[in-house]
Amino acid sequence: MALNSRRRFATLTAVVAVAALTVTACGSGDDEGGGDDAGSTGGAIDCAPYEAFGELDGKTVTVYTSITAPEDEPHIASYKPFEDCTGVEIKYEGSKEFEAQLPVRVKGGNAPDIAYVPQPGLLATLVATGAVKPAPPEVAANVEKNMPDWQQYGTVDGTFYAAALGANVKSFVWYSPSAFSEAGYEVPTTWADLLALSEKIAADNPGDEVKPWCAGIESGEATGWPTTDWVEDLMLRTAGPETYDKWVSHEIPFNDPAVATALAEVGKILKNDKFVNGGFGNVKTIASTAFQEAGQPILDGGCYMHRQASFQAANWPEGTEIGEDGDVWAFYLPAVDESTKPVLTGGELTTAFADRPEVKAFQTYLSSVEWANERAKTCGVGGCVTANKNADPELLGSALDKLSAEILTDPAAQARFDGSDLMPGAVGANSFWKGMTDWITGKDDKATLDFIEQSWPE
């Protein structure tokens, strides 16, 4: 991936503006580009925009994604209006091996029609194969109108390929409000306070049954990615957004002292047997604990805190109440001091490997206000904030989504896209994951950073 391409991806300052519009703006009231007026008012889908693609009844579009159960069902449900309108069948496949298998499928000539690629860096790698199709004009028009500030993430070397789908906040710590209250713990407002709280919880629970933190990074062939989020969050907090951007674009090496400082801070929690891994065992069990299950000990008192993104809402057992007075809630992962508010975020890009009319029509639907509103309505427990600034904010039904929007729209927020997702696929979706997994299981800081640095493509 060329350096100038990486630089285009390096910042996400516009996310704040996008999220602000998502919270404050109602539907566009505009009939162009996907029937946005009908979608914004919550009415039936306007099929007219899809008539231009011809007769689609009986056609099939395959979708491949890393979004698996239980997060997949709300996505699948959000396709129904399009399927009813056009007669197209959407065949959805979620896989924990998505990042590893998608390039294999592409190379083998067995690519899906559409893949939800969560890494702009991986998108650029796939574009270089020649297999990715440029976005159709209808999608480009929708993006320009509905999510212009995200267009850069789906653009490679000046060509627009992929519209943004969901948007998530990663800088969250999940906890039990009642457990905190009963123990007399307060939500920390600085990183030092968070470390002090961890020490306090460990001192109050000297045995091995209860720990301050629980964590898990097992994710099939993508094992390790949750640890990269930790490093990115700490890079934003200890080095600042500007240095973070230089790290992501490789203007500073991966083993730069600034990265070493961030990793050392992460290690104060994740490699501390006093602090982890509540409900599972010692530090090394983090590598074998599935990320979807890693937060569960909060519910039975095995741990007090779990750092995970907004999509963690879908990983709690059915019936878990999420809210300030619920079974679980989330607080913002605090910065070094209260004067700044770095926020790590991410999302998916709808990447097409076919340009048949039905594929173009479905891409158009996914970039429309209609889909964004339908996604909110089918959402369930949360994690449904999208990049679409014209979506109806009243349809964001979960307290978590409202909290996510509140964090993103904070005037002090310094939002940045997930760094590993922006890096070249050989690093962000490969050596960074592997290196952090080895770090959890015993490799030291310097060897880990040197390994990842040596993997950076020329």
Protein backbone atom coordinates (compact mmCIF):
# COMPACT_ATOMS: atom_id res chain seq x y z
CA MET A 1 0.00 0.00 0.00
CA ALA A 2 1.53 3.34 -1.04
CA LEU A 3 2.40 5.81 1.70
CA ASN A 4 0.11 8.49 0.27
CA SER A 5 -2.76 5.99 0.36
CA ARG A 6 -2.05 5.17 3.97
CA ARG A 7 -2.00 8.85 4.83
CA ARG A 8 -5.47 9.27 3.38
CA PHE A 9 -6.65 6.68 5.87
CA ALA A 10 -4.67 7.93 8.83
CA THR A 11 -7.19 10.13 10.61
CA LEU A 12 -10.83 9.96 11.60
CA THR A 13 -11.43 13.47 12.82
CA ALA A 14 -14.52 13.59 10.64
CA VAL A 15 -16.20 10.80 12.59
CA VAL A 16 -17.12 13.32 15.25
CA ALA A 17 -18.99 15.39 12.70
CA VAL A 18 -20.65 12.31 11.21
CA ALA A 19 -21.79 11.08 14.59
CA ALA A 20 -23.04 14.52 15.53
CA LEU A 21 -25.25 14.53 12.49
CA THR A 22 -26.44 11.00 13.25
CA VAL A 23 -27.61 12.16 16.65
CA THR A 24 -29.01 15.55 15.73
CA ALA A 25 -30.32 15.15 12.22
CA CYS A 26 -33.50 13.48 11.11
CA GLY A 27 -33.95 11.89 7.69
CA SER A 28 -32.89 13.90 4.71
CA GLY A 29 -36.34 14.17 3.17
CA ASP A 30 -34.60 13.64 -0.16
CA ASP A 31 -35.93 11.15 -2.69
CA GLU A 32 -32.61 10.64 -4.49
CA GLY A 33 -30.18 7.76 -4.08
CA GLY A 34 -32.10 4.94 -2.48
CA GLY A 35 -35.48 6.26 -1.43
CA ASP A 36 -34.13 8.20 1.54
CA ASP A 37 -37.40 9.98 2.26
CA ALA A 38 -39.25 6.75 2.81
CA GLY A 39 -36.45 5.39 4.95
CA SER A 40 -36.14 8.50 7.12
CA THR A 41 -39.79 8.44 8.05
CA GLY A 42 -39.74 4.74 8.85
CA GLY A 43 -42.20 3.91 6.04
CA ALA A 44 -42.15 1.06 3.53
CA ILE A 45 -39.17 0.82 1.21
CA ASP A 46 -39.35 2.77 -2.03
CA CYS A 47 -38.52 0.23 -4.73
CA ALA A 48 -38.12 2.83 -7.47
CA PRO A 49 -34.35 3.34 -7.07
CA TYR A 50 -33.73 -0.36 -7.75
CA GLU A 51 -35.81 -0.53 -10.93
CA ALA A 52 -32.92 1.04 -12.83
CA PHE A 53 -30.94 -2.18 -12.30
CA GLY A 54 -33.46 -4.21 -14.31
CA GLU A 55 -35.37 -7.38 -13.48
CA LEU A 56 -33.79 -8.84 -10.35
CA ASP A 57 -36.37 -11.37 -9.16
CA GLY A 58 -34.79 -14.74 -8.49
CA LYS A 59 -31.21 -13.43 -8.40
CA THR A 60 -28.80 -14.15 -5.52
CA VAL A 61 -26.11 -12.05 -3.83
CA THR A 62 -23.56 -13.68 -1.53
CA VAL A 63 -22.23 -11.75 1.47
CA TYR A 64 -19.12 -12.78 3.40
CA THR A 65 -18.25 -11.13 6.70
CA SER A 66 -16.53 -11.46 10.07
CA ILE A 67 -19.84 -10.64 11.80
CA THR A 68 -20.97 -13.93 13.31
CA ALA A 69 -23.63 -15.09 15.78
CA PRO A 70 -25.20 -13.53 17.75
CA GLU A 71 -24.47 -10.28 15.89
CA ASP A 72 -25.43 -11.69 12.51
CA GLU A 73 -29.20 -12.04 12.92
CA PRO A 74 -29.96 -8.29 13.14
CA HIS A 75 -27.90 -7.77 9.98
CA ILE A 76 -29.74 -10.50 8.12
CA ALA A 77 -33.10 -9.09 9.27
CA SER A 78 -32.16 -5.66 7.91
CA TYR A 79 -32.02 -7.06 4.36
CA LYS A 80 -35.67 -8.13 4.28
CA PRO A 81 -37.13 -4.90 2.83
CA PHE A 82 -34.66 -5.07 -0.04
CA GLU A 83 -35.36 -8.74 -0.65
CA ASP A 84 -39.13 -8.14 -0.59
CA CYS A 85 -38.75 -5.18 -2.92
CA THR A 86 -36.47 -6.72 -5.53
CA GLY A 87 -36.90 -10.49 -5.22
CA VAL A 88 -33.15 -10.85 -4.68
CA GLU A 89 -32.02 -13.48 -2.15
CA ILE A 90 -29.14 -12.47 0.11
CA LYS A 91 -27.00 -15.42 1.20
CA TYR A 92 -25.09 -14.41 4.33
CA GLU A 93 -21.97 -16.17 5.59
CA GLY A 94 -20.17 -15.06 8.74
CA SER A 95 -16.79 -16.52 9.62
CA LYS A 96 -14.24 -16.14 12.39
CA GLU A 97 -11.59 -16.86 9.76
CA PHE A 98 -12.78 -14.03 7.53
CA GLU A 99 -9.56 -12.00 7.32
CA ALA A 100 -7.45 -15.07 6.58
CA GLN A 101 -9.89 -16.76 4.20
CA LEU A 102 -11.06 -13.79 2.13
CA PRO A 103 -7.69 -13.28 0.38
CA VAL A 104 -7.50 -17.05 -0.20
CA ARG A 105 -10.93 -17.03 -1.81
CA VAL A 106 -10.07 -14.03 -3.94
CA LYS A 107 -6.80 -15.59 -5.12
CA GLY A 108 -8.59 -18.85 -5.87
CA GLY A 109 -11.28 -17.17 -7.97
CA ASN A 110 -13.96 -17.95 -5.39
CA ALA A 111 -14.62 -14.49 -4.03
CA PRO A 112 -18.05 -13.60 -2.59
CA ASP A 113 -20.15 -11.00 -4.34
CA ILE A 114 -19.75 -8.63 -1.38
CA ALA A 115 -17.47 -8.75 1.64
CA TYR A 116 -17.70 -6.50 4.69
CA VAL A 117 -14.05 -5.57 5.03
CA PRO A 118 -13.29 -3.97 8.41
CA GLN A 119 -9.78 -2.86 7.45
CA PRO A 120 -9.05 -0.12 4.92
CA GLY A 121 -5.52 -1.55 4.79
CA LEU A 122 -6.89 -4.94 3.74
CA LEU A 123 -9.13 -3.23 1.19
CA ALA A 124 -6.06 -1.67 -0.42
CA THR A 125 -4.35 -5.08 -0.50
CA LEU A 126 -7.39 -6.61 -2.19
CA VAL A 127 -7.64 -3.75 -4.68
CA ALA A 128 -4.05 -4.45 -5.70
CA THR A 129 -5.14 -7.92 -6.86
CA GLY A 130 -7.48 -6.36 -9.42
CA ALA A 131 -10.45 -8.31 -8.07
CA VAL A 132 -12.32 -5.45 -6.38
CA LYS A 133 -14.91 -3.62 -8.44
CA PRO A 134 -15.24 0.18 -8.18
CA ALA A 135 -18.44 1.30 -6.48
CA PRO A 136 -21.29 2.05 -8.88
CA PRO A 137 -22.37 5.68 -9.37
CA GLU A 138 -25.52 5.14 -7.29
CA VAL A 139 -23.41 4.14 -4.27
CA ALA A 140 -21.01 7.02 -4.77
CA ALA A 141 -23.96 9.42 -4.84
CA ASN A 142 -25.39 7.96 -1.63
CA VAL A 143 -22.03 8.18 0.11
CA GLU A 144 -21.50 11.77 -0.96
CA LYS A 145 -24.90 12.64 0.48
CA ASN A 146 -25.13 10.35 3.51
CA MET A 147 -21.56 9.77 4.75
CA PRO A 148 -19.10 12.00 2.90
CA ASP A 149 -16.51 11.99 5.68
CA TRP A 150 -16.16 8.20 5.40
CA GLN A 151 -15.54 8.20 1.66
CA GLN A 152 -11.77 8.36 2.17
CA TYR A 153 -11.71 4.96 3.90
CA GLY A 154 -13.18 3.24 0.87
CA THR A 155 -10.93 5.08 -1.59
CA VAL A 156 -7.64 3.67 -2.88
CA ASP A 157 -5.34 5.65 -5.15
CA GLY A 158 -8.11 8.03 -6.11
CA THR A 159 -10.77 5.42 -6.96
CA PHE A 160 -13.79 4.92 -4.72
CA TYR A 161 -14.52 1.26 -4.06
CA ALA A 162 -16.48 0.73 -0.87
CA ALA A 163 -19.11 2.51 1.22
CA ALA A 164 -18.99 2.42 5.01
CA LEU A 165 -21.46 0.21 6.84
CA GLY A 166 -21.46 0.26 10.65
CA ALA A 167 -19.52 2.52 13.01
CA ASN A 168 -18.49 1.37 16.46
CA VAL A 169 -16.80 2.87 19.50
CA LYS A 170 -13.94 0.77 20.83
CA SER A 171 -12.87 2.83 23.86
CA PHE A 172 -15.22 1.15 26.34
CA VAL A 173 -14.77 -0.70 29.63
CA TRP A 174 -17.68 -2.94 30.61
CA TYR A 175 -18.61 -3.44 34.27
CA SER A 176 -21.44 -4.27 36.66
CA PRO A 177 -22.93 -1.08 38.19
CA SER A 178 -24.29 -3.05 41.16
CA ALA A 179 -20.95 -4.75 41.81
CA PHE A 180 -19.18 -1.38 41.75
CA SER A 181 -21.78 0.13 44.06
CA GLU A 182 -21.67 -2.71 46.56
CA ALA A 183 -17.87 -2.56 46.74
CA GLY A 184 -17.76 1.23 46.92
CA TYR A 185 -15.87 1.60 43.63
CA GLU A 186 -16.26 4.67 41.42
CA VAL A 187 -15.88 4.88 37.67
CA PRO A 188 -12.34 6.21 37.03
CA THR A 189 -11.80 9.40 35.06
CA THR A 190 -8.05 9.10 34.30
CA TRP A 191 -5.74 6.26 33.32
CA ALA A 192 -3.94 6.55 36.66
CA ASP A 193 -7.29 6.26 38.43
CA LEU A 194 -8.05 3.12 36.41
CA LEU A 195 -4.76 1.52 37.44
CA ALA A 196 -5.36 2.55 41.05
CA LEU A 197 -8.84 1.02 40.95
CA SER A 198 -7.35 -2.19 39.57
CA GLU A 199 -4.87 -2.27 42.46
CA LYS A 200 -7.69 -1.65 44.94
CA ILE A 201 -9.83 -4.46 43.53
CA ALA A 202 -6.85 -6.84 43.58
CA ALA A 203 -6.11 -5.93 47.21
CA ASP A 204 -9.74 -6.45 48.18
CA ASN A 205 -9.76 -9.87 46.50
CA PRO A 206 -6.36 -11.48 47.26
CA GLY A 207 -7.30 -14.97 46.06
CA ASP A 208 -7.51 -16.29 42.52
CA GLU A 209 -11.31 -16.47 42.27
CA VAL A 210 -11.96 -12.76 41.64
CA LYS A 211 -9.77 -10.44 39.57
CA PRO A 212 -10.09 -6.81 38.49
CA TRP A 213 -10.10 -7.75 34.80
CA CYS A 214 -11.17 -10.51 32.45
CA ALA A 215 -10.01 -10.71 28.84
CA GLY A 216 -9.98 -12.98 25.82
CA ILE A 217 -8.38 -12.70 22.39
CA GLU A 218 -9.21 -16.05 20.76
CA SER A 219 -10.93 -15.47 17.43
CA GLY A 220 -10.01 -18.36 15.15
CA GLU A 221 -7.46 -17.30 12.57
CA ALA A 222 -7.95 -13.70 13.72
CA THR A 223 -6.79 -14.51 17.26
CA GLY A 224 -5.01 -11.55 18.80
CA TRP A 225 -7.02 -8.66 17.39
CA PRO A 226 -8.52 -7.54 20.75
CA THR A 227 -5.00 -6.92 22.05
CA THR A 228 -4.25 -4.64 19.10
CA ASP A 229 -7.20 -2.50 20.19
CA TRP A 230 -5.63 -2.16 23.63
CA VAL A 231 -2.36 -0.96 22.09
CA GLU A 232 -4.14 1.50 19.80
CA ASP A 233 -6.17 2.95 22.66
CA LEU A 234 -3.01 3.41 24.73
CA MET A 235 -1.09 4.90 21.79
CA LEU A 236 -3.80 7.55 21.53
CA ARG A 237 -3.57 8.20 25.27
CA THR A 238 0.19 8.17 25.86
CA ALA A 239 1.52 9.41 22.50
CA GLY A 240 -1.36 11.54 21.22
CA PRO A 241 -3.28 11.55 17.93
CA GLU A 242 -0.49 13.05 15.80
CA THR A 243 2.06 10.42 16.80
CA TYR A 244 -0.65 7.77 16.42
CA ASP A 245 -1.14 8.88 12.82
CA LYS A 246 2.60 8.65 12.14
CA TRP A 247 2.68 5.15 13.63
CA VAL A 248 -0.25 3.98 11.50
CA SER A 249 1.35 5.32 8.31
CA HIS A 250 4.80 3.99 9.30
CA GLU A 251 6.35 7.43 9.44
CA ILE A 252 7.73 6.14 12.73
CA PRO A 253 8.69 2.46 13.07
CA PHE A 254 6.53 -0.04 14.88
CA ASN A 255 9.23 -0.44 17.52
CA ASP A 256 9.51 3.30 18.17
CA PRO A 257 9.88 4.29 21.86
CA ALA A 258 6.37 5.80 21.76
CA VAL A 259 4.91 2.39 20.85
CA ALA A 260 7.03 0.72 23.51
CA THR A 261 5.59 3.11 26.11
CA ALA A 262 2.02 2.30 25.06
CA LEU A 263 2.66 -1.45 25.12
CA ALA A 264 4.21 -1.19 28.57
CA GLU A 265 1.04 0.52 29.83
CA VAL A 266 -1.10 -2.26 28.36
CA GLY A 267 1.15 -4.76 30.06
CA LYS A 268 0.43 -3.18 33.44
CA ILE A 269 -3.02 -4.77 33.12
CA LEU A 270 -2.94 -7.64 30.64
CA LYS A 271 0.36 -9.19 31.76
CA ASN A 272 -0.28 -8.76 35.47
CA ASP A 273 -1.45 -11.99 37.14
CA LYS A 274 -2.86 -9.93 40.01
CA PHE A 275 -5.21 -8.19 37.56
CA VAL A 276 -6.19 -10.97 35.10
CA ASN A 277 -7.81 -13.29 34.05
CA GLY A 278 -10.88 -13.38 36.28
CA GLY A 279 -13.03 -16.47 35.77
CA PHE A 280 -10.53 -18.16 33.45
CA GLY A 281 -7.07 -18.42 35.02
CA ASN A 282 -3.72 -16.69 34.60
CA VAL A 283 -2.41 -14.28 31.95
CA LYS A 284 -1.81 -16.99 29.35
CA THR A 285 -5.49 -18.04 29.39
CA ILE A 286 -6.28 -14.76 27.65
CA ALA A 287 -4.95 -16.30 24.43
CA SER A 288 -7.31 -19.28 24.61
CA THR A 289 -10.43 -17.43 25.82
CA ALA A 290 -12.88 -16.56 23.04
CA PHE A 291 -13.37 -12.81 22.82
CA GLN A 292 -17.17 -13.28 22.73
CA GLU A 293 -17.08 -15.06 26.11
CA ALA A 294 -14.36 -13.02 27.79
CA GLY A 295 -16.67 -10.60 29.59
CA GLN A 296 -19.04 -13.18 31.03
CA PRO A 297 -17.37 -13.43 34.50
CA ILE A 298 -18.62 -9.89 35.20
CA LEU A 299 -22.10 -11.38 35.53
CA ASP A 300 -21.14 -13.92 38.20
CA GLY A 301 -18.55 -11.87 40.06
CA GLY A 302 -15.42 -13.45 38.58
CA CYS A 303 -14.10 -10.10 37.40
CA TYR A 304 -15.03 -6.44 37.61
CA MET A 305 -13.99 -5.00 34.24
CA HIS A 306 -13.65 -5.99 30.58
CA ARG A 307 -12.37 -3.71 27.81
CA GLN A 308 -14.29 -4.23 24.57
CA ALA A 309 -16.03 -2.24 21.88
CA SER A 310 -19.69 -1.31 21.63
CA PHE A 311 -20.41 -4.58 19.79
CA GLN A 312 -19.83 -6.39 23.09
CA ALA A 313 -23.52 -5.62 23.71
CA ALA A 314 -24.41 -8.52 21.42
CA ASN A 315 -22.19 -10.97 23.32
CA TRP A 316 -23.99 -10.90 26.67
CA PRO A 317 -26.38 -13.80 27.38
CA GLU A 318 -29.97 -13.33 26.31
CA GLY A 319 -31.88 -11.42 28.95
CA THR A 320 -28.89 -9.44 30.23
CA GLU A 321 -30.01 -5.89 30.98
CA ILE A 322 -27.63 -3.27 29.59
CA GLY A 323 -27.86 0.17 31.18
CA GLU A 324 -26.69 2.45 33.97
CA ASP A 325 -28.87 0.50 36.40
CA GLY A 326 -28.68 -2.79 34.52
CA ASP A 327 -26.70 -5.99 34.86
CA VAL A 328 -23.87 -4.50 32.83
CA TRP A 329 -22.92 -1.09 31.57
CA ALA A 330 -19.89 0.56 29.99
CA PHE A 331 -17.72 3.56 30.77
CA TYR A 332 -15.27 5.45 28.57
CA LEU A 333 -11.71 4.11 28.79
CA PRO A 334 -10.16 7.16 30.45
CA ALA A 335 -7.36 9.27 29.03
CA VAL A 336 -4.16 10.23 30.83
CA ASP A 337 -5.95 13.35 32.04
CA GLU A 338 -9.47 14.71 31.82
CA SER A 339 -8.56 17.53 29.42
CA THR A 340 -8.41 15.20 26.39
CA LYS A 341 -10.73 12.52 25.06
CA PRO A 342 -9.13 10.18 22.52
CA VAL A 343 -11.63 7.74 21.00
CA LEU A 344 -10.83 4.60 19.04
CA THR A 345 -13.43 3.65 16.49
CA GLY A 346 -13.94 1.32 13.54
CA GLY A 347 -16.37 0.04 10.96
CA GLU A 348 -16.82 -2.10 7.86
CA LEU A 349 -16.56 -1.33 4.14
CA THR A 350 -18.93 -2.98 1.64
CA THR A 351 -16.44 -4.34 -0.88
CA ALA A 352 -17.72 -5.88 -4.13
CA PHE A 353 -16.02 -8.55 -6.23
CA ALA A 354 -18.81 -8.70 -8.80
CA ASP A 355 -20.62 -6.01 -10.74
CA ARG A 356 -23.81 -7.80 -11.73
CA PRO A 357 -26.96 -5.63 -11.54
CA GLU A 358 -28.25 -7.35 -8.39
CA VAL A 359 -24.92 -6.77 -6.61
CA LYS A 360 -24.93 -3.09 -7.53
CA ALA A 361 -28.53 -2.81 -6.34
CA PHE A 362 -27.68 -4.34 -2.95
CA GLN A 363 -24.66 -2.06 -2.57
CA THR A 364 -26.96 0.85 -3.24
CA TYR A 365 -29.39 -0.31 -0.57
CA LEU A 366 -26.62 -0.70 2.02
CA SER A 367 -25.49 2.87 1.38
CA SER A 368 -28.99 4.30 1.73
CA VAL A 369 -30.79 5.91 4.64
CA GLU A 370 -33.39 3.16 4.30
CA TRP A 371 -30.87 0.50 5.25
CA ALA A 372 -29.39 2.57 8.10
CA ASN A 373 -32.86 3.02 9.58
CA GLU A 374 -33.74 -0.64 9.09
CA ARG A 375 -30.47 -1.62 10.78
CA ALA A 376 -31.44 0.48 13.80
CA LYS A 377 -34.92 -1.06 13.90
CA THR A 378 -33.64 -4.65 13.74
CA CYS A 379 -30.73 -3.97 16.07
CA GLY A 380 -31.79 -5.45 19.38
CA VAL A 381 -29.34 -4.79 22.21
CA GLY A 382 -27.14 -2.18 20.56
CA GLY A 383 -24.09 -1.63 18.40
CA CYS A 384 -26.14 -0.09 15.61
CA VAL A 385 -24.63 3.35 15.11
CA THR A 386 -23.87 3.66 11.40
CA ALA A 387 -21.81 6.09 9.36
CA ASN A 388 -24.98 7.44 7.74
CA LYS A 389 -25.47 11.02 8.92
CA ASN A 390 -29.06 11.16 7.65
CA ALA A 391 -30.35 8.16 9.59
CA ASP A 392 -33.21 8.82 11.98
CA PRO A 393 -31.70 9.21 15.49
CA GLU A 394 -35.02 8.31 17.11
CA LEU A 395 -34.55 4.75 15.86
CA LEU A 396 -31.43 4.28 17.99
CA GLY A 397 -33.29 2.41 20.69
CA SER A 398 -30.49 1.20 22.96
CA ALA A 399 -28.88 3.15 25.74
CA LEU A 400 -25.51 1.90 24.54
CA ASP A 401 -25.91 3.38 21.08
CA LYS A 402 -26.91 6.67 22.64
CA LEU A 403 -23.80 6.52 24.86
CA SER A 404 -21.65 5.79 21.79
CA ALA A 405 -23.07 8.78 19.98
CA GLU A 406 -22.55 10.94 23.06
CA ILE A 407 -18.88 9.99 23.22
CA LEU A 408 -18.33 10.63 19.52
CA THR A 409 -20.07 14.01 19.64
CA ASP A 410 -18.18 15.26 22.68
CA PRO A 411 -16.42 18.48 21.55
CA ALA A 412 -13.22 17.21 23.19
CA ALA A 413 -13.27 13.89 21.31
CA GLN A 414 -10.20 13.09 19.23
CA ALA A 415 -11.45 10.20 17.13
CA ARG A 416 -9.19 7.88 15.18
CA PHE A 417 -9.95 4.79 13.12
CA ASP A 418 -8.62 1.47 14.36
CA GLY A 419 -4.89 1.53 13.59
CA SER A 420 -4.45 -2.14 12.71
CA ASP A 421 -7.35 -1.83 10.29
CA LEU A 422 -5.59 1.04 8.53
CA MET A 423 -2.21 -0.69 8.29
CA PRO A 424 -1.26 -2.93 5.35
CA GLY A 425 -2.96 -6.29 5.64
CA ALA A 426 0.38 -8.08 6.13
CA VAL A 427 0.72 -6.19 9.41
CA GLY A 428 -2.70 -5.14 10.63
CA ALA A 429 -4.43 -8.43 9.82
CA ASN A 430 -1.43 -10.69 10.31
CA SER A 431 1.80 -9.94 12.18
CA PHE A 432 0.22 -7.49 14.64
CA TRP A 433 -2.32 -10.16 15.69
CA LYS A 434 0.30 -12.90 15.85
CA GLY A 435 2.81 -10.72 17.65
CA MET A 436 0.33 -9.71 20.34
CA THR A 437 -0.78 -13.31 20.85
CA ASP A 438 2.84 -14.33 21.38
CA TRP A 439 3.22 -11.36 23.74
CA ILE A 440 0.34 -12.60 25.88
CA THR A 441 1.85 -16.07 26.06
CA GLY A 442 5.30 -14.88 27.10
CA LYS A 443 7.28 -12.96 24.46
CA ASP A 444 8.78 -9.73 25.83
CA ASP A 445 7.89 -6.23 24.67
CA LYS A 446 10.99 -5.54 22.56
CA ALA A 447 10.94 -8.87 20.73
CA THR A 448 7.23 -8.39 19.98
CA LEU A 449 7.63 -4.91 18.53
CA ASP A 450 10.73 -5.90 16.55
CA PHE A 451 8.87 -8.87 15.05
CA ILE A 452 6.00 -6.67 13.85
CA GLU A 453 8.33 -3.97 12.54
CA GLN A 454 10.28 -6.51 10.48
CA SER A 455 7.04 -7.66 8.84
CA TRP A 456 6.14 -4.23 7.43
CA PRO A 457 6.10 -4.51 3.62
CA GLU A 458 8.56 -2.46 1.60
